N, C-alpha and C. Protein backbone atom coordinates (compact mmCIF):
# COMPACT_ATOMS: atom_id res chain seq x y z
N UNK A 1 8.83 18.38 -6.63
CA UNK A 1 7.81 17.36 -6.88
C UNK A 1 6.56 17.72 -6.10
N UNK A 2 5.41 17.62 -6.73
CA UNK A 2 4.19 17.93 -6.01
C UNK A 2 3.81 16.76 -5.10
N UNK A 3 2.92 17.04 -4.14
CA UNK A 3 2.58 16.04 -3.13
C UNK A 3 1.94 14.80 -3.74
N UNK A 4 1.05 14.96 -4.71
CA UNK A 4 0.41 13.78 -5.33
C UNK A 4 1.46 12.88 -5.98
N UNK A 5 2.40 13.46 -6.68
CA UNK A 5 3.46 12.65 -7.32
C UNK A 5 4.35 11.99 -6.26
N UNK A 6 4.63 12.72 -5.19
CA UNK A 6 5.47 12.17 -4.12
C UNK A 6 4.79 10.98 -3.45
N UNK A 7 3.51 11.15 -3.10
CA UNK A 7 2.80 10.06 -2.44
C UNK A 7 2.53 8.88 -3.39
N UNK A 8 2.33 9.17 -4.67
CA UNK A 8 2.23 8.08 -5.65
C UNK A 8 3.52 7.26 -5.65
N UNK A 9 4.65 7.96 -5.63
CA UNK A 9 5.94 7.27 -5.60
C UNK A 9 6.08 6.42 -4.33
N UNK A 10 5.76 7.00 -3.18
CA UNK A 10 5.88 6.25 -1.93
C UNK A 10 4.93 5.05 -1.91
N UNK A 11 3.69 5.26 -2.32
CA UNK A 11 2.70 4.17 -2.34
C UNK A 11 3.16 3.04 -3.25
N UNK A 12 3.63 3.38 -4.42
CA UNK A 12 4.02 2.33 -5.38
C UNK A 12 5.37 1.71 -5.05
N UNK A 13 6.17 2.36 -4.22
CA UNK A 13 7.38 1.68 -3.72
C UNK A 13 6.98 0.42 -2.98
N UNK A 14 5.86 0.50 -2.26
CA UNK A 14 5.38 -0.66 -1.49
C UNK A 14 4.86 -1.78 -2.37
N UNK A 15 4.77 -1.55 -3.67
CA UNK A 15 4.34 -2.58 -4.62
C UNK A 15 5.54 -3.27 -5.27
N UNK A 16 6.73 -2.79 -5.02
CA UNK A 16 7.94 -3.33 -5.67
C UNK A 16 8.53 -4.48 -4.85
N UNK A 17 8.92 -5.51 -5.54
CA UNK A 17 9.45 -6.71 -4.89
C UNK A 17 10.65 -6.39 -4.01
N UNK A 18 11.58 -5.55 -4.51
CA UNK A 18 12.79 -5.26 -3.73
C UNK A 18 12.49 -4.48 -2.45
N UNK A 19 11.45 -3.66 -2.46
CA UNK A 19 11.06 -2.92 -1.25
C UNK A 19 10.32 -3.84 -0.30
N UNK A 20 9.44 -4.66 -0.82
CA UNK A 20 8.66 -5.58 0.02
C UNK A 20 9.56 -6.57 0.75
N UNK A 21 10.73 -6.85 0.20
CA UNK A 21 11.67 -7.79 0.81
C UNK A 21 12.68 -7.09 1.72
N UNK A 22 12.62 -5.76 1.83
CA UNK A 22 13.61 -4.97 2.56
C UNK A 22 12.98 -4.42 3.84
N UNK A 23 13.26 -5.06 4.97
CA UNK A 23 12.64 -4.67 6.23
C UNK A 23 12.94 -3.21 6.59
N UNK A 24 14.14 -2.75 6.35
CA UNK A 24 14.51 -1.36 6.66
C UNK A 24 13.68 -0.38 5.82
N UNK A 25 13.53 -0.68 4.54
CA UNK A 25 12.73 0.18 3.67
C UNK A 25 11.27 0.20 4.13
N UNK A 26 10.74 -0.95 4.52
CA UNK A 26 9.36 -1.01 4.99
C UNK A 26 9.19 -0.19 6.27
N UNK A 27 10.15 -0.24 7.16
CA UNK A 27 10.07 0.53 8.41
C UNK A 27 10.13 2.03 8.15
N UNK A 28 10.82 2.45 7.09
CA UNK A 28 10.84 3.87 6.73
C UNK A 28 9.49 4.32 6.18
N UNK A 29 8.84 3.45 5.41
CA UNK A 29 7.60 3.81 4.74
C UNK A 29 6.35 3.63 5.60
N UNK A 30 6.37 2.68 6.51
CA UNK A 30 5.19 2.32 7.29
C UNK A 30 5.35 2.81 8.74
N UNK A 31 4.39 3.57 9.22
CA UNK A 31 4.43 4.14 10.57
C UNK A 31 4.39 3.04 11.63
N UNK A 32 5.01 3.28 12.79
CA UNK A 32 5.01 2.27 13.85
C UNK A 32 3.61 1.85 14.29
N UNK A 33 2.64 2.78 14.29
CA UNK A 33 1.29 2.46 14.73
C UNK A 33 0.34 2.19 13.55
N UNK A 34 0.91 1.81 12.42
CA UNK A 34 0.16 1.45 11.21
C UNK A 34 -0.81 0.30 11.48
N UNK A 35 -1.94 0.32 10.78
CA UNK A 35 -2.81 -0.85 10.72
C UNK A 35 -3.49 -0.88 9.35
N UNK A 36 -3.93 -2.09 8.98
CA UNK A 36 -4.53 -2.32 7.66
C UNK A 36 -5.71 -3.25 7.80
N UNK A 37 -6.73 -2.98 6.97
CA UNK A 37 -7.81 -3.93 6.75
C UNK A 37 -7.57 -4.49 5.36
N UNK A 38 -7.11 -5.73 5.28
CA UNK A 38 -6.74 -6.33 4.01
C UNK A 38 -7.93 -6.81 3.21
N UNK A 39 -7.68 -7.12 1.93
CA UNK A 39 -8.74 -7.59 1.05
C UNK A 39 -9.34 -8.90 1.54
N UNK A 40 -8.57 -9.67 2.32
CA UNK A 40 -9.07 -10.94 2.85
C UNK A 40 -9.93 -10.75 4.09
N UNK A 41 -9.97 -9.50 4.60
CA UNK A 41 -10.68 -9.24 5.85
C UNK A 41 -9.76 -9.30 7.06
N UNK A 42 -8.51 -9.66 6.84
CA UNK A 42 -7.54 -9.72 7.92
C UNK A 42 -7.15 -8.32 8.37
N UNK A 43 -6.99 -8.13 9.67
CA UNK A 43 -6.46 -6.88 10.20
C UNK A 43 -4.96 -7.07 10.43
N UNK A 44 -4.18 -6.13 9.93
CA UNK A 44 -2.72 -6.25 9.96
C UNK A 44 -2.10 -5.11 10.76
N UNK A 45 -1.01 -5.39 11.44
CA UNK A 45 -0.18 -4.38 12.08
C UNK A 45 1.09 -4.22 11.25
N UNK A 46 1.87 -3.23 11.56
CA UNK A 46 3.15 -3.03 10.86
C UNK A 46 4.01 -4.29 10.94
N UNK A 47 4.16 -4.83 12.15
CA UNK A 47 5.03 -6.00 12.32
C UNK A 47 4.50 -7.21 11.57
N UNK A 48 3.19 -7.40 11.58
CA UNK A 48 2.60 -8.54 10.86
C UNK A 48 2.81 -8.40 9.36
N UNK A 49 2.69 -7.19 8.83
CA UNK A 49 2.93 -6.96 7.40
C UNK A 49 4.38 -7.26 7.04
N UNK A 50 5.30 -6.75 7.84
CA UNK A 50 6.73 -6.98 7.56
C UNK A 50 7.03 -8.48 7.57
N UNK A 51 6.50 -9.20 8.55
CA UNK A 51 6.73 -10.64 8.62
C UNK A 51 6.10 -11.37 7.43
N UNK A 52 4.88 -11.01 7.06
CA UNK A 52 4.18 -11.68 5.97
C UNK A 52 4.88 -11.46 4.63
N UNK A 53 5.43 -10.28 4.43
CA UNK A 53 6.08 -9.99 3.15
C UNK A 53 7.38 -10.76 2.97
N UNK A 54 7.99 -11.20 4.06
CA UNK A 54 9.22 -12.00 3.96
C UNK A 54 9.01 -13.28 3.16
N UNK A 55 7.86 -13.93 3.38
CA UNK A 55 7.59 -15.19 2.71
C UNK A 55 6.64 -15.08 1.55
N UNK A 56 6.41 -13.87 1.09
CA UNK A 56 5.42 -13.63 0.05
C UNK A 56 5.82 -14.24 -1.29
N UNK A 57 4.83 -14.79 -1.98
CA UNK A 57 4.98 -15.15 -3.38
C UNK A 57 4.60 -13.90 -4.17
N UNK A 58 5.61 -13.16 -4.65
CA UNK A 58 5.39 -11.83 -5.22
C UNK A 58 4.57 -11.89 -6.50
N UNK A 59 3.67 -10.92 -6.63
CA UNK A 59 2.90 -10.68 -7.85
C UNK A 59 3.04 -9.21 -8.21
N UNK A 60 3.39 -8.89 -9.45
CA UNK A 60 3.45 -7.48 -9.85
C UNK A 60 2.09 -6.81 -9.68
N UNK A 61 2.12 -5.50 -9.45
CA UNK A 61 0.90 -4.73 -9.26
C UNK A 61 0.86 -3.54 -10.21
N UNK A 62 -0.35 -3.14 -10.55
CA UNK A 62 -0.56 -1.97 -11.39
C UNK A 62 -1.53 -1.04 -10.67
N UNK A 63 -1.36 0.27 -10.87
CA UNK A 63 -2.19 1.27 -10.21
C UNK A 63 -2.85 2.14 -11.27
N UNK A 64 -4.14 2.43 -11.08
CA UNK A 64 -4.84 3.39 -11.94
C UNK A 64 -5.76 4.24 -11.07
N UNK A 65 -6.25 5.33 -11.65
CA UNK A 65 -7.20 6.22 -10.98
C UNK A 65 -6.68 6.73 -9.63
N UNK A 66 -5.39 7.04 -9.56
CA UNK A 66 -4.79 7.53 -8.31
C UNK A 66 -5.30 8.93 -8.00
N UNK A 67 -5.76 9.12 -6.75
CA UNK A 67 -6.27 10.43 -6.33
C UNK A 67 -5.72 10.77 -4.95
N UNK A 68 -5.49 12.05 -4.74
CA UNK A 68 -5.02 12.57 -3.45
C UNK A 68 -6.09 13.50 -2.89
N UNK A 69 -6.40 13.33 -1.60
CA UNK A 69 -7.25 14.26 -0.87
C UNK A 69 -6.47 14.67 0.37
N UNK A 70 -6.16 15.96 0.48
CA UNK A 70 -5.44 16.46 1.65
C UNK A 70 -6.44 16.64 2.78
N UNK A 71 -6.25 15.92 3.88
CA UNK A 71 -7.17 15.97 5.02
C UNK A 71 -6.74 17.03 6.04
N UNK A 72 -5.46 17.29 6.11
CA UNK A 72 -4.87 18.33 6.96
C UNK A 72 -3.51 18.63 6.35
N UNK A 73 -2.83 19.61 6.89
CA UNK A 73 -1.51 19.97 6.34
C UNK A 73 -0.55 18.79 6.34
N UNK A 74 -0.70 17.91 7.33
CA UNK A 74 0.23 16.79 7.48
C UNK A 74 -0.45 15.42 7.38
N UNK A 75 -1.65 15.38 6.81
CA UNK A 75 -2.38 14.11 6.66
C UNK A 75 -3.02 14.07 5.27
N UNK A 76 -2.77 12.99 4.55
CA UNK A 76 -3.29 12.85 3.18
C UNK A 76 -3.92 11.48 3.00
N UNK A 77 -5.02 11.47 2.26
CA UNK A 77 -5.70 10.24 1.86
C UNK A 77 -5.40 10.02 0.38
N UNK A 78 -4.92 8.83 0.04
CA UNK A 78 -4.78 8.48 -1.37
C UNK A 78 -5.70 7.30 -1.65
N UNK A 79 -6.32 7.32 -2.81
CA UNK A 79 -7.20 6.24 -3.24
C UNK A 79 -6.82 5.86 -4.66
N UNK A 80 -7.01 4.60 -5.00
CA UNK A 80 -6.71 4.14 -6.35
C UNK A 80 -7.29 2.75 -6.57
N UNK A 81 -7.26 2.36 -7.82
CA UNK A 81 -7.65 1.01 -8.20
C UNK A 81 -6.35 0.22 -8.39
N UNK A 82 -6.28 -0.93 -7.76
CA UNK A 82 -5.09 -1.76 -7.87
C UNK A 82 -5.41 -3.05 -8.61
N UNK A 83 -4.43 -3.52 -9.33
CA UNK A 83 -4.57 -4.81 -10.01
C UNK A 83 -3.33 -5.63 -9.70
N UNK A 84 -3.55 -6.82 -9.15
CA UNK A 84 -2.46 -7.77 -8.92
C UNK A 84 -2.40 -8.68 -10.13
N UNK A 85 -1.28 -8.68 -10.81
CA UNK A 85 -1.08 -9.48 -12.02
C UNK A 85 -1.05 -10.96 -11.65
N UNK A 86 -1.68 -11.79 -12.45
CA UNK A 86 -1.70 -13.24 -12.20
C UNK A 86 -0.29 -13.82 -12.34
N UNK A 87 0.01 -14.77 -11.48
CA UNK A 87 1.25 -15.55 -11.55
C UNK A 87 0.86 -17.02 -11.41
N UNK A 88 1.79 -17.93 -11.63
CA UNK A 88 1.44 -19.35 -11.43
C UNK A 88 0.98 -19.65 -10.00
N UNK A 89 1.43 -18.85 -9.02
CA UNK A 89 1.07 -19.10 -7.62
C UNK A 89 -0.23 -18.41 -7.20
N UNK A 90 -0.60 -17.32 -7.88
CA UNK A 90 -1.77 -16.53 -7.46
C UNK A 90 -2.53 -16.01 -8.66
N UNK A 91 -3.86 -16.01 -8.57
CA UNK A 91 -4.64 -15.42 -9.67
C UNK A 91 -4.56 -13.89 -9.63
N UNK A 92 -4.87 -13.28 -10.75
CA UNK A 92 -4.96 -11.83 -10.79
C UNK A 92 -6.16 -11.37 -9.98
N UNK A 93 -6.12 -10.12 -9.52
CA UNK A 93 -7.22 -9.61 -8.71
C UNK A 93 -7.28 -8.09 -8.81
N UNK A 94 -8.50 -7.57 -8.86
CA UNK A 94 -8.75 -6.13 -8.83
C UNK A 94 -9.20 -5.73 -7.43
N UNK A 95 -8.81 -4.54 -7.01
CA UNK A 95 -9.26 -4.03 -5.73
C UNK A 95 -9.28 -2.51 -5.74
N UNK A 96 -10.06 -1.95 -4.84
CA UNK A 96 -10.01 -0.52 -4.55
C UNK A 96 -9.12 -0.38 -3.33
N UNK A 97 -8.25 0.62 -3.35
CA UNK A 97 -7.27 0.80 -2.29
C UNK A 97 -7.34 2.20 -1.72
N UNK A 98 -7.11 2.32 -0.43
CA UNK A 98 -7.01 3.63 0.21
C UNK A 98 -5.92 3.58 1.26
N UNK A 99 -5.17 4.66 1.36
CA UNK A 99 -4.12 4.78 2.36
C UNK A 99 -4.16 6.17 2.95
N UNK A 100 -3.87 6.24 4.24
CA UNK A 100 -3.69 7.53 4.90
C UNK A 100 -2.20 7.66 5.20
N UNK A 101 -1.63 8.77 4.75
CA UNK A 101 -0.22 9.08 4.95
C UNK A 101 -0.12 10.27 5.89
N UNK A 102 0.83 10.22 6.84
CA UNK A 102 1.07 11.32 7.79
C UNK A 102 2.50 11.79 7.67
N UNK A 103 2.66 13.09 7.75
CA UNK A 103 3.99 13.70 7.74
C UNK A 103 4.49 13.75 9.18
N UNK A 104 5.58 13.04 9.43
CA UNK A 104 6.18 12.97 10.77
C UNK A 104 7.67 13.22 10.64
N UNK A 105 8.15 14.16 11.41
CA UNK A 105 9.59 14.48 11.40
C UNK A 105 10.12 14.68 9.98
N UNK A 106 9.32 15.37 9.16
CA UNK A 106 9.75 15.70 7.81
C UNK A 106 9.64 14.58 6.80
N UNK A 107 9.02 13.46 7.18
CA UNK A 107 8.92 12.30 6.29
C UNK A 107 7.49 11.77 6.30
N UNK A 108 6.96 11.46 5.11
CA UNK A 108 5.63 10.87 4.99
C UNK A 108 5.72 9.38 5.27
N UNK A 109 4.79 8.89 6.12
CA UNK A 109 4.69 7.46 6.41
C UNK A 109 3.23 7.03 6.31
N UNK A 110 3.04 5.79 5.86
CA UNK A 110 1.70 5.23 5.76
C UNK A 110 1.20 4.90 7.17
N UNK A 111 0.03 5.44 7.49
CA UNK A 111 -0.59 5.25 8.80
C UNK A 111 -1.65 4.15 8.75
N UNK A 112 -2.36 4.08 7.62
CA UNK A 112 -3.49 3.16 7.48
C UNK A 112 -3.61 2.75 6.02
N UNK A 113 -4.05 1.52 5.80
CA UNK A 113 -4.32 1.05 4.44
C UNK A 113 -5.52 0.12 4.46
N UNK A 114 -6.30 0.18 3.40
CA UNK A 114 -7.43 -0.74 3.26
C UNK A 114 -7.54 -1.17 1.81
N UNK A 115 -7.76 -2.46 1.62
CA UNK A 115 -8.03 -3.03 0.31
C UNK A 115 -9.43 -3.61 0.27
N UNK A 116 -10.17 -3.25 -0.76
CA UNK A 116 -11.52 -3.78 -0.94
C UNK A 116 -11.57 -4.55 -2.24
N UNK A 117 -11.79 -5.86 -2.19
CA UNK A 117 -11.78 -6.64 -3.44
C UNK A 117 -12.93 -6.25 -4.36
N UNK A 118 -12.66 -6.29 -5.63
CA UNK A 118 -13.68 -6.08 -6.65
C UNK A 118 -14.00 -7.43 -7.29
N UNK A 119 -15.26 -7.66 -7.64
CA UNK A 119 -15.61 -8.95 -8.23
C UNK A 119 -14.90 -9.15 -9.56
N UNK A 120 -14.58 -10.38 -9.82
CA UNK A 120 -13.93 -10.73 -11.08
C UNK A 120 -14.91 -10.54 -12.22
N UNK A 121 -14.37 -10.12 -13.36
CA UNK A 121 -15.22 -9.94 -14.55
C UNK A 121 -15.44 -11.25 -15.29
N UNK A 122 -14.74 -12.30 -14.88
CA UNK A 122 -14.88 -13.59 -15.55
C UNK A 122 -16.01 -14.40 -14.95
């Protein structure tokens, strides 16, 4: 599997309800020193993300325009457009997403993530 396909798989695992509800899976995918700038402007740590996902009202997500930029042999930037599907609990939303993945001990983990909201077309 090429690196872009591998990181696409890892990134989109974090969009799946069963992974978001699985603390062990999240700890495998998210680095201990992870941080995020969320679409709401909130700054998140690994522990805060894991706690927040426990009580999440899940919304399916879609990914388009996925791109990989290799920053170093063991550091990769992925960027994409994300869409959160509307549910009765939450409206749909478009965003631009970026993540930095690092290869540690033979395993890729997310080091950083940022979501930038896009204005609604409605």
